[in-house]
Amino acid sequence: MDTRPVTFELAFQVAPDDIDELGHVNNVVYLRWVQDVAAAHWTSVTSADERAEIGWVVLRHEIDYKHPARPGDRLIARTWVGPPSAATFERHTEILRARDDRLLARARSLWCPVHPASGRLRRIDPALHDRFYAR
């Protein structure tokens, strides 16, 4: 198997409610975008049955803010997965301004798969993880 992760992109526009008192996107909104693109990526490669059997909790988010997003900006959230461990799934995300591809923020998150009903940790089948990589 090739070990290059497949990237997933989600385009969106800065909404008026995303703007804080300083006139740019609030830091908390970037975190929402990181979670939104991760969820969209997961949904794009899994079935409804798989999603019913595997839930996710975040163990850690690290976000580096490079440049502000402003009202009306069109953005692209790009995400891909890193190597898994026994209990965690690493995910990387970049938030880019669409008109010039300027990097606005970069995030690294650690996610942990759980059983949705019990909240107990679970392992991910390697075949499922492989769907996030080029073949």
C-alpha atoms as a PDB file:
ATOM      1  CA  MET A   1       0.000   0.000   0.000  1.00  0.00           C
ATOM      2  CA  ASP A   2       1.136   3.549  -0.757  1.00  0.00           C
ATOM      3  CA  THR A   3       1.577   5.546   2.445  1.00  0.00           C
ATOM      4  CA  ARG A   4       0.476   8.941   1.121  1.00  0.00           C
ATOM      5  CA  PRO A   5      -2.628  10.207   2.887  1.00  0.00           C
ATOM      6  CA  VAL A   6      -5.512  11.320   0.714  1.00  0.00           C
ATOM      7  CA  THR A   7      -6.493  14.918   1.381  1.00  0.00           C
ATOM      8  CA  PHE A   8     -10.092  15.988   1.744  1.00  0.00           C
ATOM      9  CA  GLU A   9     -11.319  19.559   1.215  1.00  0.00           C
ATOM     10  CA  LEU A  10     -14.374  21.466   2.311  1.00  0.00           C
ATOM     11  CA  ALA A  11     -15.091  24.967   0.969  1.00  0.00           C
ATOM     12  CA  PHE A  12     -17.083  27.543   2.907  1.00  0.00           C
ATOM     13  CA  GLN A  13     -17.471  31.269   3.478  1.00  0.00           C
ATOM     14  CA  VAL A  14     -16.860  33.280   6.643  1.00  0.00           C
ATOM     15  CA  ALA A  15     -20.245  34.074   8.175  1.00  0.00           C
ATOM     16  CA  PRO A  16     -21.088  37.311  10.028  1.00  0.00           C
ATOM     17  CA  ASP A  17     -21.390  35.381  13.325  1.00  0.00           C
ATOM     18  CA  ASP A  18     -17.786  34.133  12.912  1.00  0.00           C
ATOM     19  CA  ILE A  19     -16.396  37.657  13.385  1.00  0.00           C
ATOM     20  CA  ASP A  20     -15.283  38.907  16.792  1.00  0.00           C
ATOM     21  CA  GLU A  21     -14.914  42.424  18.195  1.00  0.00           C
ATOM     22  CA  LEU A  22     -11.514  42.796  16.503  1.00  0.00           C
ATOM     23  CA  GLY A  23     -13.067  42.406  13.043  1.00  0.00           C
ATOM     24  CA  HIS A  24     -11.683  38.973  12.189  1.00  0.00           C
ATOM     25  CA  VAL A  25     -12.676  35.347  12.692  1.00  0.00           C
ATOM     26  CA  ASN A  26     -12.666  34.324  16.337  1.00  0.00           C
ATOM     27  CA  ASN A  27     -10.196  31.598  17.336  1.00  0.00           C
ATOM     28  CA  VAL A  28     -12.990  29.306  18.531  1.00  0.00           C
ATOM     29  CA  VAL A  29     -14.474  29.324  15.018  1.00  0.00           C
ATOM     30  CA  TYR A  30     -11.267  27.815  13.601  1.00  0.00           C
ATOM     31  CA  LEU A  31     -11.683  24.932  16.040  1.00  0.00           C
ATOM     32  CA  ARG A  32     -15.254  24.419  14.817  1.00  0.00           C
ATOM     33  CA  TRP A  33     -13.976  24.328  11.222  1.00  0.00           C
ATOM     34  CA  VAL A  34     -11.311  21.756  12.172  1.00  0.00           C
ATOM     35  CA  GLN A  35     -14.019  19.549  13.636  1.00  0.00           C
ATOM     36  CA  ASP A  36     -16.437  20.142  10.735  1.00  0.00           C
ATOM     37  CA  VAL A  37     -13.928  19.116   8.054  1.00  0.00           C
ATOM     38  CA  ALA A  38     -12.866  16.065  10.093  1.00  0.00           C
ATOM     39  CA  ALA A  39     -16.501  14.953  10.374  1.00  0.00           C
ATOM     40  CA  ALA A  40     -17.124  15.539   6.659  1.00  0.00           C
ATOM     41  CA  HIS A  41     -14.009  13.525   5.763  1.00  0.00           C
ATOM     42  CA  TRP A  42     -15.081  10.657   8.037  1.00  0.00           C
ATOM     43  CA  THR A  43     -18.568  10.687   6.526  1.00  0.00           C
ATOM     44  CA  SER A  44     -17.164  10.645   2.986  1.00  0.00           C
ATOM     45  CA  VAL A  45     -15.279   7.352   3.463  1.00  0.00           C
ATOM     46  CA  THR A  46     -17.537   5.404   5.815  1.00  0.00           C
ATOM     47  CA  SER A  47     -20.969   3.848   5.690  1.00  0.00           C
ATOM     48  CA  ALA A  48     -23.857   4.738   7.986  1.00  0.00           C
ATOM     49  CA  ASP A  49     -23.397   1.349   9.689  1.00  0.00           C
ATOM     50  CA  GLU A  50     -19.707   2.076  10.362  1.00  0.00           C
ATOM     51  CA  ARG A  51     -20.532   5.504  11.727  1.00  0.00           C
ATOM     52  CA  ALA A  52     -23.097   3.927  14.056  1.00  0.00           C
ATOM     53  CA  GLU A  53     -20.389   1.598  15.422  1.00  0.00           C
ATOM     54  CA  ILE A  54     -17.510   4.073  15.759  1.00  0.00           C
ATOM     55  CA  GLY A  55     -17.614   7.413  17.546  1.00  0.00           C
ATOM     56  CA  TRP A  56     -14.765   9.845  18.133  1.00  0.00           C
ATOM     57  CA  VAL A  57     -13.527  11.923  21.026  1.00  0.00           C
ATOM     58  CA  VAL A  58     -10.772  14.499  20.788  1.00  0.00           C
ATOM     59  CA  LEU A  59      -7.778  14.078  23.070  1.00  0.00           C
ATOM     60  CA  ARG A  60      -5.840  17.114  21.850  1.00  0.00           C
ATOM     61  CA  HIS A  61      -6.005  20.032  19.434  1.00  0.00           C
ATOM     62  CA  GLU A  62      -2.992  22.174  18.549  1.00  0.00           C
ATOM     63  CA  ILE A  63      -3.708  25.188  16.344  1.00  0.00           C
ATOM     64  CA  ASP A  64      -1.209  27.650  14.916  1.00  0.00           C
ATOM     65  CA  TYR A  65      -2.854  30.860  13.713  1.00  0.00           C
ATOM     66  CA  LYS A  66      -0.889  32.373  10.821  1.00  0.00           C
ATOM     67  CA  HIS A  67      -3.120  35.112   9.332  1.00  0.00           C
ATOM     68  CA  PRO A  68      -6.636  36.342  10.095  1.00  0.00           C
ATOM     69  CA  ALA A  69      -9.721  35.439   8.108  1.00  0.00           C
ATOM     70  CA  ARG A  70     -11.996  38.410   7.460  1.00  0.00           C
ATOM     71  CA  PRO A  71     -15.692  38.969   6.787  1.00  0.00           C
ATOM     72  CA  GLY A  72     -16.770  37.491   3.459  1.00  0.00           C
ATOM     73  CA  ASP A  73     -13.590  35.477   2.872  1.00  0.00           C
ATOM     74  CA  ARG A  74     -14.103  32.207   1.020  1.00  0.00           C
ATOM     75  CA  LEU A  75     -12.038  29.494   2.675  1.00  0.00           C
ATOM     76  CA  ILE A  76     -10.904  25.937   2.114  1.00  0.00           C
ATOM     77  CA  ALA A  77     -10.385  23.501   4.967  1.00  0.00           C
ATOM     78  CA  ARG A  78      -7.990  20.736   3.907  1.00  0.00           C
ATOM     79  CA  THR A  79      -7.478  17.677   6.086  1.00  0.00           C
ATOM     80  CA  TRP A  80      -5.657  14.342   6.051  1.00  0.00           C
ATOM     81  CA  VAL A  81      -4.809  11.635   8.555  1.00  0.00           C
ATOM     82  CA  GLY A  82      -1.449  10.714   9.968  1.00  0.00           C
ATOM     83  CA  PRO A  83      -0.265   7.327  11.149  1.00  0.00           C
ATOM     84  CA  PRO A  84      -2.531   5.638  13.688  1.00  0.00           C
ATOM     85  CA  SER A  85      -1.438   4.178  16.985  1.00  0.00           C
ATOM     86  CA  ALA A  86      -3.276   1.547  18.991  1.00  0.00           C
ATOM     87  CA  ALA A  87      -5.645   4.091  20.548  1.00  0.00           C
ATOM     88  CA  THR A  88      -5.310   7.340  18.598  1.00  0.00           C
ATOM     89  CA  PHE A  89      -5.825   8.678  15.119  1.00  0.00           C
ATOM     90  CA  GLU A  90      -3.758  11.708  14.147  1.00  0.00           C
ATOM     91  CA  ARG A  91      -5.400  14.294  11.869  1.00  0.00           C
ATOM     92  CA  HIS A  92      -3.914  17.390  10.229  1.00  0.00           C
ATOM     93  CA  THR A  93      -5.898  20.373   8.978  1.00  0.00           C
ATOM     94  CA  GLU A  94      -5.061  23.543   7.092  1.00  0.00           C
ATOM     95  CA  ILE A  95      -7.414  26.478   6.694  1.00  0.00           C
ATOM     96  CA  LEU A  96      -6.625  28.424   3.499  1.00  0.00           C
ATOM     97  CA  ARG A  97      -8.046  31.581   1.950  1.00  0.00           C
ATOM     98  CA  ALA A  98      -9.456  30.443  -1.409  1.00  0.00           C
ATOM     99  CA  ARG A  99      -8.538  33.489  -3.532  1.00  0.00           C
ATOM    100  CA  ASP A 100      -4.787  33.215  -2.937  1.00  0.00           C
ATOM    101  CA  ASP A 101      -4.256  29.874  -1.103  1.00  0.00           C
ATOM    102  CA  ARG A 102      -2.790  31.766   1.850  1.00  0.00           C
ATOM    103  CA  LEU A 103      -2.417  29.550   4.906  1.00  0.00           C
ATOM    104  CA  LEU A 104      -4.481  31.065   7.720  1.00  0.00           C
ATOM    105  CA  ALA A 105      -4.241  28.295  10.307  1.00  0.00           C
ATOM    106  CA  ARG A 106      -2.746  24.846  10.744  1.00  0.00           C
ATOM    107  CA  ALA A 107      -3.997  22.260  13.234  1.00  0.00           C
ATOM    108  CA  ARG A 108      -2.945  18.862  14.502  1.00  0.00           C
ATOM    109  CA  SER A 109      -5.490  16.826  16.418  1.00  0.00           C
ATOM    110  CA  LEU A 110      -5.462  13.481  18.181  1.00  0.00           C
ATOM    111  CA  TRP A 111      -8.746  11.604  18.010  1.00  0.00           C
ATOM    112  CA  CYS A 112      -9.666   8.453  19.859  1.00  0.00           C
ATOM    113  CA  PRO A 113     -12.216   5.947  18.513  1.00  0.00           C
ATOM    114  CA  VAL A 114     -14.903   4.855  20.960  1.00  0.00           C
ATOM    115  CA  HIS A 115     -18.005   2.681  21.055  1.00  0.00           C
ATOM    116  CA  PRO A 116     -20.844   5.241  20.777  1.00  0.00           C
ATOM    117  CA  ALA A 117     -23.156   3.485  23.252  1.00  0.00           C
ATOM    118  CA  SER A 118     -20.596   2.859  25.995  1.00  0.00           C
ATOM    119  CA  GLY A 119     -17.941   5.480  25.331  1.00  0.00           C
ATOM    120  CA  ARG A 120     -15.304   2.791  25.784  1.00  0.00           C
ATOM    121  CA  LEU A 121     -12.137   2.851  23.708  1.00  0.00           C
ATOM    122  CA  ARG A 122     -12.024   0.696  20.618  1.00  0.00           C
ATOM    123  CA  ARG A 123      -9.508  -0.234  17.968  1.00  0.00           C
ATOM    124  CA  ILE A 124      -9.845   0.669  14.298  1.00  0.00           C
ATOM    125  CA  ASP A 125      -9.621  -2.095  11.735  1.00  0.00           C
ATOM    126  CA  PRO A 126      -6.500  -1.402   9.606  1.00  0.00           C
ATOM    127  CA  ALA A 127      -8.609  -1.841   6.455  1.00  0.00           C
ATOM    128  CA  LEU A 128     -10.756   1.108   7.557  1.00  0.00           C
ATOM    129  CA  HIS A 129      -7.713   3.266   8.198  1.00  0.00           C
ATOM    130  CA  ASP A 130      -6.335   2.317   4.771  1.00  0.00           C
ATOM    131  CA  ARG A 131      -9.280   4.068   3.098  1.00  0.00           C
ATOM    132  CA  PHE A 132      -7.653   7.355   4.053  1.00  0.00           C
ATOM    133  CA  TYR A 133      -4.525   6.544   2.007  1.00  0.00           C
ATOM    134  CA  ALA A 134      -3.770   6.519  -1.728  1.00  0.00           C
ATOM    135  CA  ARG A 135      -3.620   3.164  -3.440  1.00  0.00           C
END
